[in-house]
Amino acid sequence: ATIKAADAVIAKLQKAHDVFKTKTPLYTVDPLTAKIGLKEGLEKGDKFEVLEQTINDEGTTKYVRKGVVRVGDQIWDNRYMAGEEQQADSTNSAKPLIDRTLFKGGERFYPGMLIRQIK
């Protein structure tokens, strides 16, 4: 219970303050997925900007916005002990366990591009 409460507080901080916003790389592009989920407070329809890392002439790293994606219907339940709870609840169910979140929108993205949550 303590771990779940701490995760919920961090998720609230991520939504309220830019410093704590969720940032993660794209995992696959067909379909568009990332390894984040309910632990980070994701909800259907949340928006993320897709950023591409570039290096300018001076050698400094800069992130350029390449598009916006939204969280789709399939959200990964990556909370503490969620996998064990799902297996206990599903008695002989053929439903596969989800290990990533599906996103909608955008094109010309590639794995490893950074996504950052926006309001």
Protein backbone atom coordinates (compact mmCIF):
# COMPACT_ATOMS: atom_id res chain seq x y z
CA ALA A 1 0.00 0.00 0.00
CA THR A 2 2.89 2.35 0.77
CA ILE A 3 4.49 1.85 -2.64
CA LYS A 4 1.18 2.45 -4.43
CA ALA A 5 0.59 5.65 -2.40
CA ALA A 6 4.09 6.94 -3.21
CA ASP A 7 3.54 6.21 -6.92
CA ALA A 8 0.23 8.13 -6.82
CA VAL A 9 1.91 11.18 -5.25
CA ILE A 10 4.68 11.14 -7.86
CA ALA A 11 2.06 10.90 -10.64
CA LYS A 12 0.33 14.01 -9.26
CA LEU A 13 3.65 15.87 -9.19
CA GLN A 14 4.29 14.87 -12.80
CA LYS A 15 1.01 16.38 -13.93
CA ALA A 16 1.44 19.63 -11.96
CA HIS A 17 5.13 20.53 -12.41
CA ASP A 18 7.27 20.58 -15.57
CA VAL A 19 10.35 19.29 -13.74
CA PHE A 20 8.55 16.02 -12.89
CA LYS A 21 6.80 15.48 -16.26
CA THR A 22 6.97 11.97 -17.65
CA LYS A 23 9.71 11.59 -20.28
CA THR A 24 10.46 8.28 -21.97
CA PRO A 25 11.63 6.98 -25.37
CA LEU A 26 9.27 5.47 -27.92
CA TYR A 27 9.54 1.70 -27.78
CA THR A 28 8.00 0.76 -31.16
CA VAL A 29 6.41 2.74 -34.00
CA ASP A 30 4.18 0.15 -35.64
CA PRO A 31 2.13 0.24 -33.45
CA LEU A 32 3.25 3.38 -31.61
CA THR A 33 4.10 2.28 -28.04
CA ALA A 34 6.13 3.29 -24.98
CA LYS A 35 7.00 1.54 -21.72
CA ILE A 36 4.94 3.77 -19.39
CA GLY A 37 1.53 3.18 -17.85
CA LEU A 38 -0.81 3.56 -14.90
CA LYS A 39 2.08 3.94 -12.46
CA GLU A 40 2.86 7.28 -14.14
CA GLY A 41 -0.80 8.34 -13.93
CA LEU A 42 -1.64 7.89 -17.61
CA GLU A 43 -5.24 8.25 -18.70
CA LYS A 44 -6.85 7.75 -22.08
CA GLY A 45 -6.41 10.89 -24.19
CA ASP A 46 -3.37 12.32 -22.38
CA LYS A 47 -1.13 14.24 -24.79
CA PHE A 48 2.60 13.81 -25.31
CA GLU A 49 4.94 15.78 -27.55
CA VAL A 50 7.44 13.77 -29.58
CA LEU A 51 10.97 15.20 -29.46
CA GLU A 52 13.97 14.48 -31.68
CA GLN A 53 17.46 14.97 -30.28
CA THR A 54 19.73 17.11 -32.45
CA ILE A 55 23.24 18.44 -31.95
CA ASN A 56 23.94 21.95 -33.18
CA ASP A 57 27.23 23.34 -34.59
CA GLU A 58 28.54 24.17 -31.12
CA GLY A 59 28.07 20.57 -29.98
CA THR A 60 25.20 21.16 -27.59
CA THR A 61 22.15 18.91 -27.53
CA LYS A 62 18.78 20.36 -28.46
CA TYR A 63 15.35 18.69 -28.61
CA VAL A 64 13.09 19.60 -31.52
CA ARG A 65 9.35 18.94 -31.38
CA LYS A 66 8.28 16.63 -34.23
CA GLY A 67 4.64 16.02 -33.35
CA VAL A 68 2.01 15.18 -30.75
CA VAL A 69 0.56 11.79 -29.82
CA ARG A 70 -2.29 10.75 -27.50
CA VAL A 71 -2.68 7.79 -25.19
CA GLY A 72 -4.94 5.19 -26.80
CA ASP A 73 -7.23 2.51 -25.38
CA GLN A 74 -4.52 0.07 -24.28
CA ILE A 75 -2.73 1.32 -21.14
CA TRP A 76 -0.14 -0.82 -19.38
CA ASP A 77 -0.86 -1.50 -15.70
CA ASN A 78 2.71 -1.24 -14.41
CA ARG A 79 1.80 -0.49 -10.82
CA TYR A 80 3.40 -2.47 -8.00
CA MET A 81 2.20 -6.12 -7.97
CA ALA A 82 -0.32 -5.46 -10.79
CA GLY A 83 0.83 -8.49 -12.82
CA GLU A 84 0.32 -10.87 -9.92
CA GLU A 85 -3.14 -9.40 -9.18
CA GLN A 86 -4.19 -9.80 -12.84
CA GLN A 87 -3.05 -13.41 -12.95
CA ALA A 88 -4.94 -14.19 -9.72
CA ASP A 89 -8.11 -12.51 -11.02
CA SER A 90 -8.08 -14.25 -14.40
CA THR A 91 -8.74 -17.92 -13.88
CA ASN A 92 -7.61 -19.68 -17.08
CA SER A 93 -8.28 -16.59 -19.19
CA ALA A 94 -6.52 -16.36 -22.55
CA LYS A 95 -6.17 -12.57 -22.24
CA PRO A 96 -2.50 -11.61 -22.80
CA LEU A 97 -0.72 -9.38 -20.31
CA ILE A 98 0.02 -5.93 -21.70
CA ASP A 99 3.62 -4.71 -21.28
CA ARG A 100 3.44 -1.24 -22.91
CA THR A 101 1.02 1.59 -23.64
CA LEU A 102 -0.43 2.21 -27.10
CA PHE A 103 -0.46 5.74 -28.56
CA LYS A 104 -2.43 7.30 -31.44
CA GLY A 105 -1.39 9.93 -33.95
CA GLY A 106 1.70 11.11 -35.70
CA GLU A 107 3.91 9.60 -38.33
CA ARG A 108 7.58 9.61 -39.34
CA PHE A 109 8.61 8.72 -35.80
CA TYR A 110 11.27 6.15 -34.96
CA PRO A 111 12.09 4.10 -31.85
CA GLY A 112 14.11 6.05 -29.31
CA MET A 113 12.51 9.44 -29.95
CA LEU A 114 11.68 11.06 -26.61
CA ILE A 115 8.07 11.67 -25.62
CA ARG A 116 7.18 14.20 -22.91
CA GLN A 117 3.78 14.74 -21.37
CA ILE A 118 2.05 18.06 -22.06
CA LYS A 119 -1.02 19.62 -20.50
